Amino acid sequence: HDDIMNVFFPVNINKKVIDYITNFIIEHYDNEEKLIKIFKVITYTYTEYRIFFLKILLGQIQNIELIKSLELIKSFKSGGSLIPLYEADKKFWKEFEELLSHDVKFLKLKLWTTQEQSSCDSSIERHRKSDFIRDF
């Protein structure tokens, strides 16, 4: 399964992959099922390009609420302290919020990103306490 994914979506992104994903998003911006699949690939394989591809989607999308159904953050977190992972998630939500600040039609979505940042803050605080207790 991983070999098949590497043929279509190599670990090292290139112009061909960027163009394919960009065109896929433009063509399927209103198809929730297909967007969920392509954003899983983006989130898990091309994490650093999430904002880039979200910007493309925001330029096309009509149903803004659909974005909330996309997996934009890796769902599994393991190994060592989780604080750096939650801090990275918070940084992503902040970048996404900044992307949304240029248009009033994204106000609800911007509020959602703010809530996600608060959730990251809560997780960071919870893990700081548990790390302290574990290390104590």
Protein backbone atom coordinates (compact mmCIF):
# COMPACT_ATOMS: atom_id res chain seq x y z
CA HIS A 1 0.00 0.00 0.00
CA ASP A 2 2.81 2.42 0.89
CA ASP A 3 4.61 1.59 -2.38
CA ILE A 4 1.51 2.52 -4.38
CA MET A 5 1.20 5.81 -2.48
CA ASN A 6 4.89 6.60 -3.13
CA VAL A 7 4.40 6.16 -6.88
CA PHE A 8 1.56 8.70 -6.97
CA PHE A 9 2.68 10.86 -4.04
CA PRO A 10 6.45 10.58 -3.51
CA VAL A 11 7.73 11.62 -0.11
CA ASN A 12 9.72 14.45 -1.68
CA ILE A 13 7.19 16.77 -3.27
CA ASN A 14 7.91 18.07 -6.77
CA LYS A 15 6.23 20.37 -9.29
CA LYS A 16 4.32 17.47 -10.88
CA VAL A 17 2.79 16.50 -7.51
CA ILE A 18 2.03 20.14 -6.61
CA ASP A 19 0.32 20.64 -9.99
CA TYR A 20 -1.63 17.39 -9.66
CA ILE A 21 -2.90 18.21 -6.15
CA THR A 22 -3.66 21.81 -7.12
CA ASN A 23 -5.69 20.70 -10.16
CA PHE A 24 -7.41 18.00 -8.10
CA ILE A 25 -8.53 20.59 -5.53
CA ILE A 26 -9.72 23.00 -8.22
CA GLU A 27 -11.62 20.23 -9.98
CA HIS A 28 -13.15 18.68 -6.84
CA TYR A 29 -13.56 21.68 -4.50
CA ASP A 30 -17.22 20.79 -3.94
CA ASN A 31 -16.74 17.03 -3.42
CA GLU A 32 -16.29 16.44 0.31
CA GLU A 33 -15.30 12.77 -0.05
CA LYS A 34 -12.52 13.52 -2.55
CA LEU A 35 -11.28 16.52 -0.57
CA ILE A 36 -11.11 14.40 2.59
CA LYS A 37 -8.91 11.89 0.74
CA ILE A 38 -6.56 14.42 -0.85
CA PHE A 39 -6.16 16.40 2.39
CA LYS A 40 -5.22 13.18 4.21
CA VAL A 41 -2.39 12.83 1.71
CA ILE A 42 -1.45 16.49 2.21
CA THR A 43 -1.61 16.31 6.02
CA TYR A 44 0.35 13.09 6.38
CA THR A 45 2.79 13.37 3.45
CA TYR A 46 3.18 17.08 2.67
CA THR A 47 2.49 18.65 6.06
CA GLU A 48 4.45 21.81 5.28
CA TYR A 49 2.22 22.45 2.24
CA ARG A 50 -1.13 22.42 4.10
CA ILE A 51 -1.49 26.22 4.10
CA PHE A 52 -0.49 26.39 0.42
CA PHE A 53 -3.21 23.91 -0.59
CA LEU A 54 -5.79 25.40 1.81
CA LYS A 55 -5.25 28.75 0.11
CA ILE A 56 -6.07 27.12 -3.24
CA LEU A 57 -9.18 25.49 -1.75
CA LEU A 58 -10.34 28.76 -0.16
CA GLY A 59 -10.18 30.40 -3.59
CA GLN A 60 -12.64 27.83 -4.97
CA ILE A 61 -14.87 26.59 -2.19
CA GLN A 62 -18.49 27.62 -1.78
CA ASN A 63 -19.35 25.53 1.30
CA ILE A 64 -16.83 26.85 3.81
CA GLU A 65 -18.09 24.49 6.54
CA LEU A 66 -16.75 21.59 4.46
CA ILE A 67 -13.21 22.55 5.53
CA LYS A 68 -14.04 21.50 9.09
CA SER A 69 -14.48 17.90 7.90
CA LEU A 70 -10.92 17.74 6.53
CA GLU A 71 -8.16 16.11 8.54
CA LEU A 72 -5.74 19.03 8.80
CA ILE A 73 -3.81 17.79 11.84
CA LYS A 74 -2.18 14.37 12.18
CA SER A 75 -4.42 12.40 14.49
CA PHE A 76 -1.81 10.17 16.11
CA LYS A 77 0.70 11.51 18.57
CA SER A 78 3.21 9.28 20.28
CA GLY A 79 6.70 9.13 21.66
CA GLY A 80 8.36 11.39 24.20
CA SER A 81 6.83 14.68 25.23
CA LEU A 82 3.78 15.62 23.20
CA ILE A 83 4.23 19.33 23.89
CA PRO A 84 6.29 20.05 20.73
CA LEU A 85 3.63 18.29 18.63
CA TYR A 86 0.82 20.39 20.11
CA GLU A 87 2.94 23.52 19.70
CA ALA A 88 3.39 22.66 16.00
CA ASP A 89 -0.37 22.12 15.69
CA LYS A 90 -1.01 25.49 17.32
CA LYS A 91 1.43 27.15 14.90
CA PHE A 92 -0.48 25.61 11.98
CA TRP A 93 -3.84 26.88 13.33
CA LYS A 94 -2.32 30.35 13.77
CA GLU A 95 -1.04 30.35 10.16
CA PHE A 96 -4.44 29.20 8.94
CA GLU A 97 -6.12 31.94 10.97
CA GLU A 98 -3.83 34.53 9.35
CA LEU A 99 -4.73 33.19 5.91
CA LEU A 100 -8.43 33.67 6.74
CA SER A 101 -8.09 37.21 8.10
CA HIS A 102 -8.22 38.82 4.67
CA ASP A 103 -11.87 38.06 3.98
CA VAL A 104 -14.92 38.61 6.19
CA LYS A 105 -16.69 35.58 4.65
CA PHE A 106 -14.21 33.39 6.55
CA LEU A 107 -15.13 34.86 9.95
CA LYS A 108 -16.76 31.63 11.27
CA LEU A 109 -13.83 29.59 10.04
CA LYS A 110 -11.41 32.02 11.69
CA LEU A 111 -13.29 31.59 14.98
CA TRP A 112 -12.94 27.82 14.56
CA THR A 113 -9.16 28.14 14.11
CA THR A 114 -9.02 30.26 17.28
CA GLN A 115 -10.90 27.54 19.17
CA GLU A 116 -8.46 24.94 17.83
CA GLN A 117 -5.56 27.07 19.09
CA SER A 118 -7.17 27.22 22.54
CA SER A 119 -7.58 23.46 22.45
CA CYS A 120 -3.85 23.14 21.70
CA ASP A 121 -3.08 25.46 24.63
CA SER A 122 -5.16 23.25 26.93
CA SER A 123 -3.41 20.12 25.68
CA ILE A 124 0.01 21.74 26.12
CA GLU A 125 -0.83 22.74 29.69
CA ARG A 126 -2.22 19.28 30.49
CA HIS A 127 0.92 17.60 29.11
CA ARG A 128 3.23 20.03 30.93
CA LYS A 129 1.63 18.93 34.18
CA SER A 130 1.77 15.22 33.35
CA ASP A 131 5.40 15.54 32.11
CA PHE A 132 6.30 17.28 35.36
CA ILE A 133 4.65 14.58 37.45
CA ARG A 134 6.26 11.82 35.37
CA ASP A 135 9.72 13.39 35.62
CA PHE A 136 9.32 14.17 39.32
